Amino acid sequence: MKHKERTALLKEYYSYVKPILQSAEFKRRRSFEHHQDSVYDHSLRVSLKAFKFAHQLEKMGISISKKNVAIAGLLHDFYTRPWREKSLDPRFFKKHGFSHAADACHNAYLYFPELMNDRIEDAILRHMFPLNIKPPKYLESWMITLSDKIVSFEVFLHPSELPRYVGISKETMQKLNVRRWYHKAKELLHEI
């Protein structure tokens, strides 16, 4: 992609998501620890990746709303509180992976009602498929689901971060001495 085309594409993207990126409530997600970074950074990467995919599909003549993709990507994890701070709910299907999409959708309507529509709602509510049993209904929803998986799986580039990814705190990792264990396991694998 040429510099001029990339600049035009980023300007288009920003025109769709400017109210979200300028929102103090969305900026608050910079302090919410996510997999390998903040919810803010994760959501931005998902949104941009999905937007680029949508742009490529559009160039191939496939009808898709880049605006819906950009907005849904930013709001797909727009939940209320950092999930690692919540008290652990013993009920399996109430755990973060199953429940945060509904919280994010509620917040999206609360803070950005003028940006919401059926396709964005579907993308937010179903982005955790297959954990969320119902698959995405729309192409835009699939773009968010797939982009979220791609961005989330980047943690596998840094295997020592996997415990943190699944919610094991730094303190617990230190108690378990996970890094030393990881390096020992890595050495053993090289010997095999």
C-alpha atoms as a PDB file:
ATOM      1  CA  MET A   1       0.000   0.000   0.000  1.00  0.00           C
ATOM      2  CA  LYS A   2       1.419   3.361  -1.013  1.00  0.00           C
ATOM      3  CA  HIS A   3       2.007   6.115   1.533  1.00  0.00           C
ATOM      4  CA  LYS A   4      -0.700   8.329   0.023  1.00  0.00           C
ATOM      5  CA  GLU A   5      -3.275   5.516   0.081  1.00  0.00           C
ATOM      6  CA  ARG A   6      -2.320   4.539   3.660  1.00  0.00           C
ATOM      7  CA  THR A   7      -2.653   8.167   4.819  1.00  0.00           C
ATOM      8  CA  ALA A   8      -6.076   8.490   3.173  1.00  0.00           C
ATOM      9  CA  LEU A   9      -7.172   5.204   4.735  1.00  0.00           C
ATOM     10  CA  LEU A  10      -6.054   6.307   8.223  1.00  0.00           C
ATOM     11  CA  LYS A  11      -7.885   9.627   7.806  1.00  0.00           C
ATOM     12  CA  GLU A  12     -11.021   7.715   6.831  1.00  0.00           C
ATOM     13  CA  TYR A  13     -10.588   5.418   9.842  1.00  0.00           C
ATOM     14  CA  TYR A  14     -10.122   8.357  12.213  1.00  0.00           C
ATOM     15  CA  SER A  15     -13.231  10.088  10.863  1.00  0.00           C
ATOM     16  CA  TYR A  16     -15.275   7.067  11.998  1.00  0.00           C
ATOM     17  CA  VAL A  17     -13.727   6.565  15.435  1.00  0.00           C
ATOM     18  CA  LYS A  18     -12.743  10.087  16.519  1.00  0.00           C
ATOM     19  CA  PRO A  19     -15.520  10.420  19.163  1.00  0.00           C
ATOM     20  CA  ILE A  20     -14.441   7.128  20.747  1.00  0.00           C
ATOM     21  CA  LEU A  21     -10.713   7.877  20.752  1.00  0.00           C
ATOM     22  CA  GLN A  22     -11.348  11.321  22.252  1.00  0.00           C
ATOM     23  CA  SER A  23     -13.661   9.981  24.959  1.00  0.00           C
ATOM     24  CA  ALA A  24     -12.294  10.105  28.506  1.00  0.00           C
ATOM     25  CA  GLU A  25     -14.184   6.888  29.264  1.00  0.00           C
ATOM     26  CA  PHE A  26     -12.495   5.022  26.416  1.00  0.00           C
ATOM     27  CA  LYS A  27      -9.084   6.476  27.344  1.00  0.00           C
ATOM     28  CA  ARG A  28      -9.598   5.057  30.842  1.00  0.00           C
ATOM     29  CA  ARG A  29      -9.040   1.595  29.279  1.00  0.00           C
ATOM     30  CA  ARG A  30      -5.347   2.490  28.982  1.00  0.00           C
ATOM     31  CA  SER A  31      -5.083   1.478  32.640  1.00  0.00           C
ATOM     32  CA  PHE A  32      -6.960  -1.832  32.199  1.00  0.00           C
ATOM     33  CA  GLU A  33      -4.435  -4.625  31.874  1.00  0.00           C
ATOM     34  CA  HIS A  34      -5.313  -6.930  29.009  1.00  0.00           C
ATOM     35  CA  HIS A  35      -3.450  -9.912  27.597  1.00  0.00           C
ATOM     36  CA  GLN A  36      -0.034  -8.460  26.771  1.00  0.00           C
ATOM     37  CA  ASP A  37      -0.914  -4.764  27.005  1.00  0.00           C
ATOM     38  CA  SER A  38      -3.873  -2.499  27.823  1.00  0.00           C
ATOM     39  CA  VAL A  39      -7.487  -2.878  26.717  1.00  0.00           C
ATOM     40  CA  TYR A  40      -7.057   0.446  24.895  1.00  0.00           C
ATOM     41  CA  ASP A  41      -4.064  -0.788  22.852  1.00  0.00           C
ATOM     42  CA  HIS A  42      -5.590  -4.215  22.228  1.00  0.00           C
ATOM     43  CA  SER A  43      -8.871  -2.704  21.011  1.00  0.00           C
ATOM     44  CA  LEU A  44      -7.061  -0.245  18.770  1.00  0.00           C
ATOM     45  CA  ARG A  45      -5.028  -3.054  17.176  1.00  0.00           C
ATOM     46  CA  VAL A  46      -8.147  -5.200  16.652  1.00  0.00           C
ATOM     47  CA  SER A  47     -10.003  -2.260  15.145  1.00  0.00           C
ATOM     48  CA  LEU A  48      -7.182  -1.322  12.768  1.00  0.00           C
ATOM     49  CA  LYS A  49      -6.560  -4.917  11.671  1.00  0.00           C
ATOM     50  CA  ALA A  50     -10.264  -5.506  10.997  1.00  0.00           C
ATOM     51  CA  PHE A  51     -10.486  -2.164   9.174  1.00  0.00           C
ATOM     52  CA  LYS A  52      -7.572  -3.145   6.899  1.00  0.00           C
ATOM     53  CA  PHE A  53      -9.199  -6.527   6.197  1.00  0.00           C
ATOM     54  CA  ALA A  54     -12.491  -4.769   5.409  1.00  0.00           C
ATOM     55  CA  HIS A  55     -10.666  -2.385   3.070  1.00  0.00           C
ATOM     56  CA  GLN A  56      -9.165  -5.341   1.185  1.00  0.00           C
ATOM     57  CA  LEU A  57     -12.578  -7.008   0.902  1.00  0.00           C
ATOM     58  CA  GLU A  58     -14.093  -3.769  -0.340  1.00  0.00           C
ATOM     59  CA  LYS A  59     -11.374  -3.516  -3.009  1.00  0.00           C
ATOM     60  CA  MET A  60     -12.388  -7.033  -4.131  1.00  0.00           C
ATOM     61  CA  GLY A  61     -15.979  -5.858  -4.573  1.00  0.00           C
ATOM     62  CA  ILE A  62     -17.345  -7.415  -1.370  1.00  0.00           C
ATOM     63  CA  SER A  63     -19.881  -5.255   0.427  1.00  0.00           C
ATOM     64  CA  ILE A  64     -18.800  -4.473   3.977  1.00  0.00           C
ATOM     65  CA  SER A  65     -19.060  -1.418   6.219  1.00  0.00           C
ATOM     66  CA  LYS A  66     -15.578  -0.259   7.173  1.00  0.00           C
ATOM     67  CA  LYS A  67     -17.202   2.223   9.555  1.00  0.00           C
ATOM     68  CA  ASN A  68     -19.016  -0.530  11.471  1.00  0.00           C
ATOM     69  CA  VAL A  69     -15.828  -2.603  11.594  1.00  0.00           C
ATOM     70  CA  ALA A  70     -13.744   0.304  12.915  1.00  0.00           C
ATOM     71  CA  ILE A  71     -16.268   1.163  15.641  1.00  0.00           C
ATOM     72  CA  ALA A  72     -16.971  -2.442  16.688  1.00  0.00           C
ATOM     73  CA  GLY A  73     -13.245  -3.167  16.883  1.00  0.00           C
ATOM     74  CA  LEU A  74     -12.712  -0.357  19.364  1.00  0.00           C
ATOM     75  CA  LEU A  75     -15.749  -1.222  21.469  1.00  0.00           C
ATOM     76  CA  HIS A  76     -15.588  -5.033  21.496  1.00  0.00           C
ATOM     77  CA  ASP A  77     -13.842  -5.075  24.919  1.00  0.00           C
ATOM     78  CA  PHE A  78     -15.388  -1.883  26.325  1.00  0.00           C
ATOM     79  CA  TYR A  79     -16.245  -3.502  29.666  1.00  0.00           C
ATOM     80  CA  THR A  80     -16.654  -1.615  32.919  1.00  0.00           C
ATOM     81  CA  ARG A  81     -13.761  -2.701  35.131  1.00  0.00           C
ATOM     82  CA  PRO A  82     -10.432  -4.441  34.630  1.00  0.00           C
ATOM     83  CA  TRP A  83     -11.406  -8.100  34.655  1.00  0.00           C
ATOM     84  CA  ARG A  84      -8.451  -9.146  36.774  1.00  0.00           C
ATOM     85  CA  GLU A  85      -9.658  -6.863  39.575  1.00  0.00           C
ATOM     86  CA  LYS A  86     -13.124  -8.406  39.748  1.00  0.00           C
ATOM     87  CA  SER A  87     -13.844 -10.856  42.496  1.00  0.00           C
ATOM     88  CA  LEU A  88     -13.866 -14.335  41.080  1.00  0.00           C
ATOM     89  CA  ASP A  89     -17.373 -15.526  40.325  1.00  0.00           C
ATOM     90  CA  PRO A  90     -17.445 -19.262  41.003  1.00  0.00           C
ATOM     91  CA  ARG A  91     -19.991 -19.845  38.238  1.00  0.00           C
ATOM     92  CA  PHE A  92     -18.120 -20.981  35.133  1.00  0.00           C
ATOM     93  CA  PHE A  93     -20.316 -19.232  32.553  1.00  0.00           C
ATOM     94  CA  LYS A  94     -20.096 -15.942  34.476  1.00  0.00           C
ATOM     95  CA  LYS A  95     -16.334 -15.754  34.051  1.00  0.00           C
ATOM     96  CA  HIS A  96     -14.841 -12.941  31.974  1.00  0.00           C
ATOM     97  CA  GLY A  97     -14.451 -14.867  28.715  1.00  0.00           C
ATOM     98  CA  PHE A  98     -18.156 -15.657  28.640  1.00  0.00           C
ATOM     99  CA  SER A  99     -19.635 -12.488  30.103  1.00  0.00           C
ATOM    100  CA  HIS A 100     -17.621  -9.417  29.093  1.00  0.00           C
ATOM    101  CA  ALA A 101     -19.166  -9.035  25.642  1.00  0.00           C
ATOM    102  CA  ALA A 102     -22.578  -8.175  27.118  1.00  0.00           C
ATOM    103  CA  ASP A 103     -20.927  -5.666  29.475  1.00  0.00           C
ATOM    104  CA  ALA A 104     -19.029  -4.105  26.550  1.00  0.00           C
ATOM    105  CA  CYS A 105     -22.217  -3.835  24.472  1.00  0.00           C
ATOM    106  CA  HIS A 106     -24.104  -2.220  27.343  1.00  0.00           C
ATOM    107  CA  ASN A 107     -21.309   0.353  27.771  1.00  0.00           C
ATOM    108  CA  ALA A 108     -21.159   1.000  24.030  1.00  0.00           C
ATOM    109  CA  TYR A 109     -24.857   1.940  24.028  1.00  0.00           C
ATOM    110  CA  LEU A 110     -24.416   3.951  27.233  1.00  0.00           C
ATOM    111  CA  TYR A 111     -21.492   6.081  25.997  1.00  0.00           C
ATOM    112  CA  PHE A 112     -21.870   6.012  22.192  1.00  0.00           C
ATOM    113  CA  PRO A 113     -25.563   5.444  21.351  1.00  0.00           C
ATOM    114  CA  GLU A 114     -25.270   7.551  18.202  1.00  0.00           C
ATOM    115  CA  LEU A 115     -22.634   5.164  16.796  1.00  0.00           C
ATOM    116  CA  MET A 116     -24.408   1.899  17.583  1.00  0.00           C
ATOM    117  CA  ASN A 117     -26.439  -0.240  15.185  1.00  0.00           C
ATOM    118  CA  ASP A 118     -27.409  -3.922  14.788  1.00  0.00           C
ATOM    119  CA  ARG A 119     -24.165  -4.922  13.065  1.00  0.00           C
ATOM    120  CA  ILE A 120     -21.907  -3.265  15.631  1.00  0.00           C
ATOM    121  CA  GLU A 121     -23.977  -4.791  18.436  1.00  0.00           C
ATOM    122  CA  ASP A 122     -23.670  -8.253  16.859  1.00  0.00           C
ATOM    123  CA  ALA A 123     -19.906  -7.838  16.433  1.00  0.00           C
ATOM    124  CA  ILE A 124     -19.465  -6.869  20.089  1.00  0.00           C
ATOM    125  CA  LEU A 125     -21.788  -9.535  21.508  1.00  0.00           C
ATOM    126  CA  ARG A 126     -20.405 -12.383  19.412  1.00  0.00           C
ATOM    127  CA  HIS A 127     -16.691 -11.605  19.153  1.00  0.00           C
ATOM    128  CA  MET A 128     -15.869 -14.371  21.634  1.00  0.00           C
ATOM    129  CA  PHE A 129     -17.251 -17.121  19.400  1.00  0.00           C
ATOM    130  CA  PRO A 130     -16.928 -20.076  19.986  1.00  0.00           C
ATOM    131  CA  LEU A 131     -17.075 -19.249  23.737  1.00  0.00           C
ATOM    132  CA  ASN A 132     -20.217 -17.309  22.911  1.00  0.00           C
ATOM    133  CA  ILE A 133     -22.315 -20.107  21.503  1.00  0.00           C
ATOM    134  CA  LYS A 134     -24.015 -18.091  18.752  1.00  0.00           C
ATOM    135  CA  PRO A 135     -21.727 -17.396  15.781  1.00  0.00           C
ATOM    136  CA  PRO A 136     -21.478 -13.910  14.303  1.00  0.00           C
ATOM    137  CA  LYS A 137     -24.324 -13.001  11.939  1.00  0.00           C
ATOM    138  CA  TYR A 138     -22.628 -10.455   9.697  1.00  0.00           C
ATOM    139  CA  LEU A 139     -19.383 -10.185   7.769  1.00  0.00           C
ATOM    140  CA  GLU A 140     -18.411  -7.200   9.934  1.00  0.00           C
ATOM    141  CA  SER A 141     -18.874  -9.357  13.042  1.00  0.00           C
ATOM    142  CA  TRP A 142     -16.655 -12.077  11.597  1.00  0.00           C
ATOM    143  CA  MET A 143     -13.952  -9.476  10.873  1.00  0.00           C
ATOM    144  CA  ILE A 144     -13.926  -8.462  14.554  1.00  0.00           C
ATOM    145  CA  THR A 145     -13.980 -12.071  15.781  1.00  0.00           C
ATOM    146  CA  LEU A 146     -11.079 -13.082  13.527  1.00  0.00           C
ATOM    147  CA  SER A 147      -9.046  -9.915  14.130  1.00  0.00           C
ATOM    148  CA  ASP A 148      -9.469 -10.315  17.893  1.00  0.00           C
ATOM    149  CA  LYS A 149      -8.171 -13.890  17.666  1.00  0.00           C
ATOM    150  CA  ILE A 150      -5.196 -12.876  15.518  1.00  0.00           C
ATOM    151  CA  VAL A 151      -4.208 -10.005  17.824  1.00  0.00           C
ATOM    152  CA  SER A 152      -4.770 -12.111  20.943  1.00  0.00           C
ATOM    153  CA  PHE A 153      -2.680 -14.982  19.635  1.00  0.00           C
ATOM    154  CA  GLU A 154       0.299 -12.650  19.266  1.00  0.00           C
ATOM    155  CA  VAL A 155       0.983 -13.573  22.898  1.00  0.00           C
ATOM    156  CA  PHE A 156       2.369 -16.867  21.589  1.00  0.00           C
ATOM    157  CA  LEU A 157       5.292 -14.871  20.215  1.00  0.00           C
ATOM    158  CA  HIS A 158       6.256 -14.416  23.894  1.00  0.00           C
ATOM    159  CA  PRO A 159       5.529 -17.775  25.572  1.00  0.00           C
ATOM    160  CA  SER A 160       6.799 -16.629  28.962  1.00  0.00           C
ATOM    161  CA  GLU A 161       3.809 -14.249  29.039  1.00  0.00           C
ATOM    162  CA  LEU A 162       1.240 -17.050  28.690  1.00  0.00           C
ATOM    163  CA  PRO A 163       0.520 -17.333  32.431  1.00  0.00           C
ATOM    164  CA  ARG A 164      -0.254 -13.611  32.593  1.00  0.00           C
ATOM    165  CA  TYR A 165      -2.439 -13.974  29.493  1.00  0.00           C
ATOM    166  CA  VAL A 166      -4.724 -16.409  31.273  1.00  0.00           C
ATOM    167  CA  GLY A 167      -4.903 -14.269  34.387  1.00  0.00           C
ATOM    168  CA  ILE A 168      -2.116 -15.533  36.630  1.00  0.00           C
ATOM    169  CA  SER A 169      -0.804 -12.470  38.450  1.00  0.00           C
ATOM    170  CA  LYS A 170       2.839 -11.408  38.525  1.00  0.00           C
ATOM    171  CA  GLU A 171       2.929 -12.188  42.247  1.00  0.00           C
ATOM    172  CA  THR A 172       1.675 -15.720  41.666  1.00  0.00           C
ATOM    173  CA  MET A 173       4.126 -16.163  38.801  1.00  0.00           C
ATOM    174  CA  GLN A 174       6.952 -15.119  41.132  1.00  0.00           C
ATOM    175  CA  LYS A 175       5.760 -17.525  43.817  1.00  0.00           C
ATOM    176  CA  LEU A 176       5.603 -20.330  41.292  1.00  0.00           C
ATOM    177  CA  ASN A 177       8.840 -19.146  39.695  1.00  0.00           C
ATOM    178  CA  VAL A 178       7.173 -19.576  36.306  1.00  0.00           C
ATOM    179  CA  ARG A 179       9.924 -17.991  34.248  1.00  0.00           C
ATOM    180  CA  ARG A 180      12.579 -20.297  35.632  1.00  0.00           C
ATOM    181  CA  TRP A 181      10.259 -23.245  35.050  1.00  0.00           C
ATOM    182  CA  TYR A 182       9.598 -22.041  31.490  1.00  0.00           C
ATOM    183  CA  HIS A 183      13.315 -21.734  30.707  1.00  0.00           C
ATOM    184  CA  LYS A 184      14.020 -25.180  32.205  1.00  0.00           C
ATOM    185  CA  ALA A 185      11.229 -26.664  30.100  1.00  0.00           C
ATOM    186  CA  LYS A 186      12.612 -24.908  27.028  1.00  0.00           C
ATOM    187  CA  GLU A 187      16.101 -26.346  27.718  1.00  0.00           C
ATOM    188  CA  LEU A 188      14.648 -29.833  28.139  1.00  0.00           C
ATOM    189  CA  LEU A 189      12.768 -29.537  24.858  1.00  0.00           C
ATOM    190  CA  HIS A 190      15.958 -28.546  23.045  1.00  0.00           C
ATOM    191  CA  GLU A 191      17.685 -31.619  24.446  1.00  0.00           C
ATOM    192  CA  ILE A 192      14.993 -33.961  23.123  1.00  0.00           C
END
